[in-house]
Amino acid sequence: MTGVARPPHVVGGPWFEELQRGQVFDDAPGMTLTAGHAALHQALVGDRLRLALDAALSREVTSHDGTLVHPNLVCDVAIGQSTGPSQRVRGNLFYRGLVLARPVFVGETLRTRTEIVGLKQNRRRQGTPATGLVAMRVRTADEHGDPVLDFWRCPMIPMRDPAAETGHADDFSEIPLDLEPTEIAAARPAGWRLGPLRAAVPGPYHDELEPGQKFVVEAGETVTGAPELARLTLNVAIAHTDATGSTHGRRLVYGGHTISVAAAHATRAIPAIATILAWRSCEHIAPVFEGDVLRTELVVEDVSSGGIVELRAKVSSARPGAGPAPVLDWSFIAVVA
C-alpha cells in the first residue's frame, strides 16, 4: 500500500528559541571509563600525570585497587555528555564551580544530567548571526548515583529565526563567580600518601613552590586528532566535527583539548602534581584549529597547606602565516607532593 511520504525527522540539537528554563537533558549515554579511553586520551593530548599512567604508583599513593583516571578526562566526558542541548554551540562563555567531588578510577561509569537554568538573548549585531546565552547546570554521578562533578557552563547558541524576540533576559547572578575555600578543602582526597610520588619524581615539590614563580614549556604541542577527542568524550557539538556551518570555514578544536594540552604541559613543569581538584576560571580567548602549535606559560598563583597549589596556565597558539597569539587563560587547583 502506498501513501503520502512522511517528511524526514531531522536529528539535531535545539536552537536558542527552542530552549526553556527548567528543561532537563539526561539521555546521553553513560560511559564506563576503561584503560582504552585513558590510553587514547593520553595519545591525543600527551598528558604525563604520573598517577594516571603508573598503576602501581597510583595504588601506592591512593590505596585504591584501580588506576586513577586523569581528572581532565573525567571533565571532558562530563562536558561531552552535556552537549546534547548545545550541539549548535558557537563558543562557551564560562565554566564555573567546577570541582571534582572525588577521584575517579578506571572501571567507574559516569552519567550526566544537564538542566537549563538561565537564558539570555544577545543583542543583535549587524552582519553576525543572532544568538543567545544558555546557562546549564551539569551534574555528573557514578553508577551508584554518587556525585562526581556539579558545575555550570554557558554555551552561546544560534537562533533559527534571526528576527525572533524571545524575551529571555536572565542575568545569571545566581551562578557563583568563584569557588568557596570549603569546596576546595572538601575535594582534597583523604588518606592519600604523597610520599611515594615525591620519591618517584623530580621537583619542584609543594614546599619549593611560591607565588609568582613562572615556568615556560619550550616544546610546543601540535594539535592533532581533534574530532577523535570529541568523539571519545561523547561530545556532539557540530563545530568540532563538521566545518560546513562554521563561521571560520574550519572545524573548531574542542576547548577541553586545549585545556588538556595545558594540563600536560603543567605536569612537565611540575611532575609532582598528583591530581587536579578544581577549575577556578577558564577563558577561551580565541579559537584553536587542528595543526595549531600550543605553548604554555605556567604561573604559581598561591600555595597553601595540604599540598594545595593554585596554578594559572596561559596558552598561546601559532599557525602558518600567523605569529603566537593567546588562546586560553585557565586557572586551576592541584595537589602537589
Protein backbone atom coordinates (compact mmCIF):
# COMPACT_ATOMS: atom_id res chain seq x y z
CA MET A 1 0.00 0.00 0.00
CA THR A 2 1.32 3.40 -0.93
CA GLY A 3 0.71 6.57 0.94
CA VAL A 4 1.95 10.10 1.38
CA ALA A 5 5.62 10.14 2.17
CA ARG A 6 6.36 11.47 5.60
CA PRO A 7 8.95 14.22 5.89
CA PRO A 8 12.20 13.03 7.46
CA HIS A 9 12.81 13.58 11.15
CA VAL A 10 15.81 15.87 11.43
CA VAL A 11 18.20 14.72 14.17
CA GLY A 12 19.97 17.71 15.65
CA GLY A 13 20.25 19.95 18.67
CA PRO A 14 17.82 22.71 19.63
CA TRP A 15 18.09 26.31 18.52
CA PHE A 16 18.18 29.01 21.19
CA GLU A 17 14.49 29.88 20.94
CA GLU A 18 13.55 26.21 21.43
CA LEU A 19 15.13 26.04 24.89
CA GLN A 20 13.24 26.75 28.10
CA ARG A 21 14.38 27.29 31.66
CA GLY A 22 13.91 24.12 33.68
CA GLN A 23 14.41 21.72 30.75
CA VAL A 24 16.42 18.64 31.68
CA PHE A 25 18.55 16.56 29.30
CA ASP A 26 19.69 13.22 30.70
CA ASP A 27 19.67 10.97 27.65
CA ALA A 28 23.42 10.98 26.91
CA PRO A 29 24.96 7.50 27.10
CA GLY A 30 26.61 6.57 30.36
CA MET A 31 30.31 5.89 29.89
CA THR A 32 32.41 3.32 31.72
CA LEU A 33 35.97 4.63 31.75
CA THR A 34 38.44 1.98 30.64
CA ALA A 35 42.19 1.73 30.19
CA GLY A 36 41.49 2.13 26.47
CA HIS A 37 39.85 5.51 26.99
CA ALA A 38 42.76 6.59 29.17
CA ALA A 39 45.34 5.46 26.58
CA LEU A 40 43.65 7.26 23.70
CA HIS A 41 43.22 10.44 25.76
CA GLN A 42 46.92 10.30 26.63
CA ALA A 43 47.87 9.81 22.97
CA LEU A 44 45.78 12.79 21.87
CA VAL A 45 46.89 15.32 24.49
CA GLY A 46 50.23 13.96 25.74
CA ASP A 47 49.41 14.06 29.44
CA ARG A 48 52.10 12.96 31.91
CA LEU A 49 50.13 12.84 35.16
CA ARG A 50 52.02 10.09 36.97
CA LEU A 51 49.12 8.54 38.88
CA ALA A 52 47.08 8.18 35.68
CA LEU A 53 49.99 6.46 33.90
CA ASP A 54 51.57 4.30 36.60
CA ALA A 55 49.10 1.80 38.09
CA ALA A 56 51.49 0.62 40.80
CA LEU A 57 52.26 4.17 41.92
CA SER A 58 48.55 5.04 41.80
CA ARG A 59 47.76 2.15 44.16
CA GLU A 60 50.59 3.11 46.50
CA VAL A 61 49.51 6.75 46.75
CA THR A 62 45.72 6.37 46.75
CA SER A 63 45.33 2.94 48.45
CA HIS A 64 42.74 2.17 45.75
CA ASP A 65 42.89 -1.02 43.70
CA GLY A 66 42.18 0.84 40.45
CA THR A 67 44.27 3.31 38.46
CA LEU A 68 43.40 6.99 38.74
CA VAL A 69 41.60 8.43 35.71
CA HIS A 70 43.08 11.75 34.62
CA PRO A 71 40.74 14.43 36.01
CA ASN A 72 40.73 16.21 32.65
CA LEU A 73 39.36 13.07 31.00
CA VAL A 74 36.63 12.96 33.66
CA CYS A 75 35.75 16.61 32.98
CA ASP A 76 35.85 16.10 29.20
CA VAL A 77 33.40 13.19 29.40
CA ALA A 78 31.04 15.13 31.68
CA ILE A 79 31.14 18.11 29.33
CA GLY A 80 30.69 15.83 26.32
CA GLN A 81 27.64 14.22 27.91
CA SER A 82 26.17 17.72 28.40
CA THR A 83 26.42 18.71 24.72
CA GLY A 84 23.05 17.31 23.61
CA PRO A 85 21.30 20.66 24.12
CA SER A 86 24.34 22.61 22.87
CA GLN A 87 25.09 20.81 19.61
CA ARG A 88 24.89 24.11 17.71
CA VAL A 89 27.31 25.88 20.08
CA ARG A 90 29.36 28.78 18.71
CA GLY A 91 31.52 29.09 21.81
CA ASN A 92 31.48 28.78 25.61
CA LEU A 93 31.28 31.91 27.72
CA PHE A 94 32.32 30.28 31.00
CA TYR A 95 32.72 27.24 33.21
CA ARG A 96 32.02 27.91 36.91
CA GLY A 97 32.09 25.93 40.12
CA LEU A 98 33.94 23.01 38.58
CA VAL A 99 35.18 20.91 41.49
CA LEU A 100 35.75 17.18 41.38
CA ALA A 101 33.88 15.79 44.36
CA ARG A 102 36.25 12.83 44.46
CA PRO A 103 38.84 10.99 42.36
CA VAL A 104 37.61 8.62 39.64
CA PHE A 105 39.27 5.30 38.87
CA VAL A 106 39.36 3.05 35.81
CA GLY A 107 36.20 0.92 35.62
CA GLU A 108 33.81 3.52 37.01
CA THR A 109 30.82 4.75 34.99
CA LEU A 110 29.86 8.40 34.52
CA ARG A 111 26.28 9.57 33.89
CA THR A 112 25.33 13.22 33.43
CA ARG A 113 22.18 15.29 33.89
CA THR A 114 22.06 18.76 32.30
CA GLU A 115 19.47 21.37 33.31
CA ILE A 116 18.77 24.71 31.61
CA VAL A 117 18.91 27.26 34.46
CA GLY A 118 19.14 30.56 32.56
CA LEU A 119 18.62 32.09 29.11
CA LYS A 120 19.69 35.46 27.76
CA GLN A 121 19.17 36.60 24.18
CA ASN A 122 22.15 38.54 22.87
CA ARG A 123 21.85 41.99 21.39
CA ARG A 124 21.81 41.82 17.61
CA ARG A 125 24.86 42.97 15.71
CA GLN A 126 24.95 43.83 12.05
CA GLY A 127 26.49 41.08 9.97
CA THR A 128 26.62 38.44 12.73
CA PRO A 129 24.22 35.56 13.44
CA ALA A 130 21.57 36.07 16.11
CA THR A 131 22.47 34.14 19.26
CA GLY A 132 21.67 33.65 22.92
CA LEU A 133 23.49 32.51 26.04
CA VAL A 134 22.36 29.36 27.83
CA ALA A 135 23.32 28.72 31.45
CA MET A 136 23.45 25.00 32.18
CA ARG A 137 23.79 23.15 35.49
CA VAL A 138 25.72 19.97 34.82
CA ARG A 139 25.65 17.17 37.39
CA THR A 140 27.68 14.02 36.87
CA ALA A 141 27.43 10.94 39.07
CA ASP A 142 28.88 7.45 39.11
CA GLU A 143 26.99 4.20 38.56
CA HIS A 144 25.78 4.28 42.18
CA GLY A 145 24.43 7.81 41.88
CA ASP A 146 27.22 9.31 44.00
CA PRO A 147 28.30 12.82 42.89
CA VAL A 148 31.46 13.27 40.83
CA LEU A 149 31.01 16.75 39.32
CA ASP A 150 28.49 19.57 39.74
CA PHE A 151 29.21 22.74 37.73
CA TRP A 152 27.84 25.39 35.40
CA ARG A 153 28.70 26.02 31.77
CA CYS A 154 27.40 28.70 29.42
CA PRO A 155 27.37 28.00 25.67
CA MET A 156 26.33 30.51 23.03
CA ILE A 157 23.63 29.01 20.79
CA PRO A 158 22.40 30.46 17.45
CA MET A 159 18.77 31.27 16.74
CA ARG A 160 16.81 29.64 13.94
CA ASP A 161 14.86 32.86 13.32
CA PRO A 162 17.16 35.90 13.40
CA ALA A 163 14.18 38.20 13.92
CA ALA A 164 12.67 36.30 16.86
CA GLU A 165 12.17 38.08 20.17
CA THR A 166 12.28 35.50 22.95
CA GLY A 167 12.17 37.88 25.89
CA HIS A 168 14.87 35.86 27.63
CA ALA A 169 16.97 38.24 29.74
CA ASP A 170 18.27 36.29 32.77
CA ASP A 171 21.30 37.90 34.41
CA PHE A 172 22.90 34.66 35.70
CA SER A 173 23.59 36.37 39.03
CA GLU A 174 22.68 33.23 40.96
CA ILE A 175 25.63 31.39 39.43
CA PRO A 176 28.64 31.80 41.76
CA LEU A 177 31.63 33.64 40.33
CA ASP A 178 34.27 31.89 42.44
CA LEU A 179 34.96 28.75 44.43
CA GLU A 180 34.48 28.59 48.17
CA PRO A 181 37.57 27.55 50.17
CA THR A 182 35.47 24.88 51.87
CA GLU A 183 34.68 23.32 48.47
CA ILE A 184 38.37 23.05 47.64
CA ALA A 185 39.25 21.62 51.06
CA ALA A 186 36.46 19.04 50.81
CA ALA A 187 37.68 17.92 47.38
CA ARG A 188 41.21 17.09 48.54
CA PRO A 189 41.42 13.28 48.57
CA ALA A 190 41.56 11.90 52.10
CA GLY A 191 44.15 9.33 53.01
CA TRP A 192 46.45 9.80 50.04
CA ARG A 193 50.14 9.17 50.79
CA LEU A 194 52.07 11.69 48.70
CA GLY A 195 55.48 10.49 49.92
CA PRO A 196 55.80 7.72 47.28
CA LEU A 197 55.01 10.20 44.49
CA ARG A 198 57.57 12.65 45.83
CA ALA A 199 60.16 9.86 45.97
CA ALA A 200 59.42 8.82 42.38
CA VAL A 201 59.59 12.17 40.59
CA PRO A 202 61.90 15.19 40.42
CA GLY A 203 60.91 18.56 41.90
CA PRO A 204 59.84 21.17 42.28
CA TYR A 205 57.74 19.91 45.17
CA HIS A 206 54.99 21.63 47.12
CA ASP A 207 57.34 23.21 49.67
CA GLU A 208 59.60 24.53 46.90
CA LEU A 209 56.85 26.46 45.12
CA GLU A 210 55.95 30.07 45.84
CA PRO A 211 53.55 32.61 44.34
CA GLY A 212 54.89 34.36 41.28
CA GLN A 213 57.07 31.51 40.03
CA LYS A 214 56.81 31.00 36.28
CA PHE A 215 57.54 28.01 34.08
CA VAL A 216 57.75 28.25 30.30
CA VAL A 217 57.39 24.94 28.48
CA GLU A 218 59.61 25.40 25.48
CA ALA A 219 58.38 22.49 23.35
CA GLY A 220 55.12 23.23 21.59
CA GLU A 221 52.36 20.68 21.10
CA THR A 222 50.77 20.32 17.67
CA VAL A 223 47.01 19.77 17.91
CA THR A 224 46.02 16.58 16.09
CA GLY A 225 43.11 14.18 16.36
CA ALA A 226 40.68 16.90 17.44
CA PRO A 227 37.49 15.19 16.19
CA GLU A 228 38.71 11.94 17.74
CA LEU A 229 38.88 13.53 21.20
CA ALA A 230 35.39 14.99 20.74
CA ARG A 231 34.04 11.58 19.74
CA LEU A 232 35.91 9.80 22.54
CA THR A 233 34.23 12.01 25.13
CA LEU A 234 30.71 11.84 23.60
CA ASN A 235 30.88 15.48 22.51
CA VAL A 236 28.29 16.03 19.75
CA ALA A 237 28.92 19.75 19.15
CA ILE A 238 28.71 20.20 15.39
CA ALA A 239 31.52 22.76 15.29
CA HIS A 240 34.07 20.10 16.28
CA THR A 241 33.29 17.57 13.56
CA ASP A 242 31.58 19.47 10.74
CA ALA A 243 33.05 22.62 9.20
CA THR A 244 30.24 23.21 6.70
CA GLY A 245 28.35 25.55 9.02
CA SER A 246 31.35 27.14 10.70
CA THR A 247 31.78 30.90 10.54
CA HIS A 248 35.54 30.22 10.44
CA GLY A 249 35.32 27.85 7.48
CA ARG A 250 37.19 25.23 9.55
CA ARG A 251 36.40 22.81 12.36
CA LEU A 252 36.92 24.28 15.80
CA VAL A 253 39.05 22.32 18.25
CA TYR A 254 37.09 21.40 21.38
CA GLY A 255 38.14 23.71 24.21
CA GLY A 256 38.82 20.78 26.51
CA HIS A 257 41.50 19.64 24.06
CA THR A 258 43.41 22.89 24.58
CA ILE A 259 42.89 22.67 28.35
CA SER A 260 44.19 19.09 28.43
CA VAL A 261 47.31 20.09 26.49
CA ALA A 262 47.87 22.84 29.06
CA ALA A 263 47.50 20.25 31.83
CA ALA A 264 50.07 18.05 30.09
CA HIS A 265 52.46 21.00 29.95
CA ALA A 266 51.83 21.65 33.65
CA THR A 267 52.89 18.11 34.56
CA ARG A 268 56.06 18.55 32.53
CA ALA A 269 56.87 21.69 34.52
CA ILE A 270 55.80 20.23 37.88
CA PRO A 271 56.00 16.41 37.70
CA ALA A 272 54.94 16.14 41.38
CA ILE A 273 51.32 17.10 40.54
CA ALA A 274 49.21 14.28 42.00
CA THR A 275 45.84 15.39 40.67
CA ILE A 276 43.70 18.40 39.72
CA LEU A 277 40.89 19.28 42.12
CA ALA A 278 39.09 22.22 40.52
CA TRP A 279 38.99 24.95 37.89
CA ARG A 280 38.90 28.44 39.36
CA SER A 281 38.33 30.08 35.97
CA CYS A 282 38.61 29.17 32.31
CA GLU A 283 38.57 31.69 29.45
CA HIS A 284 38.86 30.67 25.81
CA ILE A 285 40.35 33.84 24.34
CA ALA A 286 40.45 32.79 20.69
CA PRO A 287 39.64 29.71 18.60
CA VAL A 288 42.08 26.84 18.11
CA PHE A 289 42.30 24.80 14.90
CA GLU A 290 43.83 21.46 14.09
CA GLY A 291 47.53 21.87 13.25
CA ASP A 292 48.00 24.81 15.63
CA VAL A 293 51.08 24.61 17.85
CA LEU A 294 50.29 25.31 21.51
CA ARG A 295 52.76 26.62 24.08
CA THR A 296 52.15 27.20 27.77
CA GLU A 297 53.39 29.61 30.42
CA LEU A 298 52.55 28.28 33.89
CA VAL A 299 52.34 30.67 36.85
CA VAL A 300 52.10 29.74 40.53
CA GLU A 301 49.25 31.84 41.94
CA ASP A 302 49.09 30.57 45.52
CA VAL A 303 50.46 27.82 47.76
CA SER A 304 48.64 26.56 50.84
CA SER A 305 48.76 23.66 53.26
CA GLY A 306 47.86 20.10 52.40
CA GLY A 307 49.73 20.17 49.10
CA ILE A 308 47.28 22.63 47.53
CA VAL A 309 48.72 24.82 44.77
CA GLU A 310 46.81 27.26 42.58
CA LEU A 311 48.18 27.47 39.05
CA ARG A 312 47.42 29.57 36.01
CA ALA A 313 48.12 28.32 32.51
CA LYS A 314 48.39 30.90 29.74
CA VAL A 315 48.36 29.15 26.38
CA SER A 316 49.33 30.68 23.04
CA SER A 317 48.81 29.25 19.58
CA ALA A 318 50.94 29.60 16.45
CA ARG A 319 49.94 28.57 12.95
CA PRO A 320 51.44 29.05 9.47
CA GLY A 321 51.28 32.68 8.44
CA ALA A 322 50.48 33.94 11.94
CA GLY A 323 52.57 34.68 14.99
CA PRO A 324 51.81 33.38 18.50
CA ALA A 325 48.50 34.62 19.91
CA PRO A 326 46.80 33.90 23.27
CA VAL A 327 44.02 31.30 23.13
CA LEU A 328 43.47 30.14 26.72
CA ASP A 329 43.69 31.53 30.25
CA TRP A 330 42.99 28.68 32.69
CA SER A 331 43.33 28.84 36.47
CA PHE A 332 43.17 25.53 38.31
CA ILE A 333 43.88 23.99 41.68
CA ALA A 334 46.17 20.98 42.02
CA VAL A 335 47.58 18.73 44.71
CA VAL A 336 51.38 18.64 44.60
CA ALA A 337 53.59 16.22 46.53
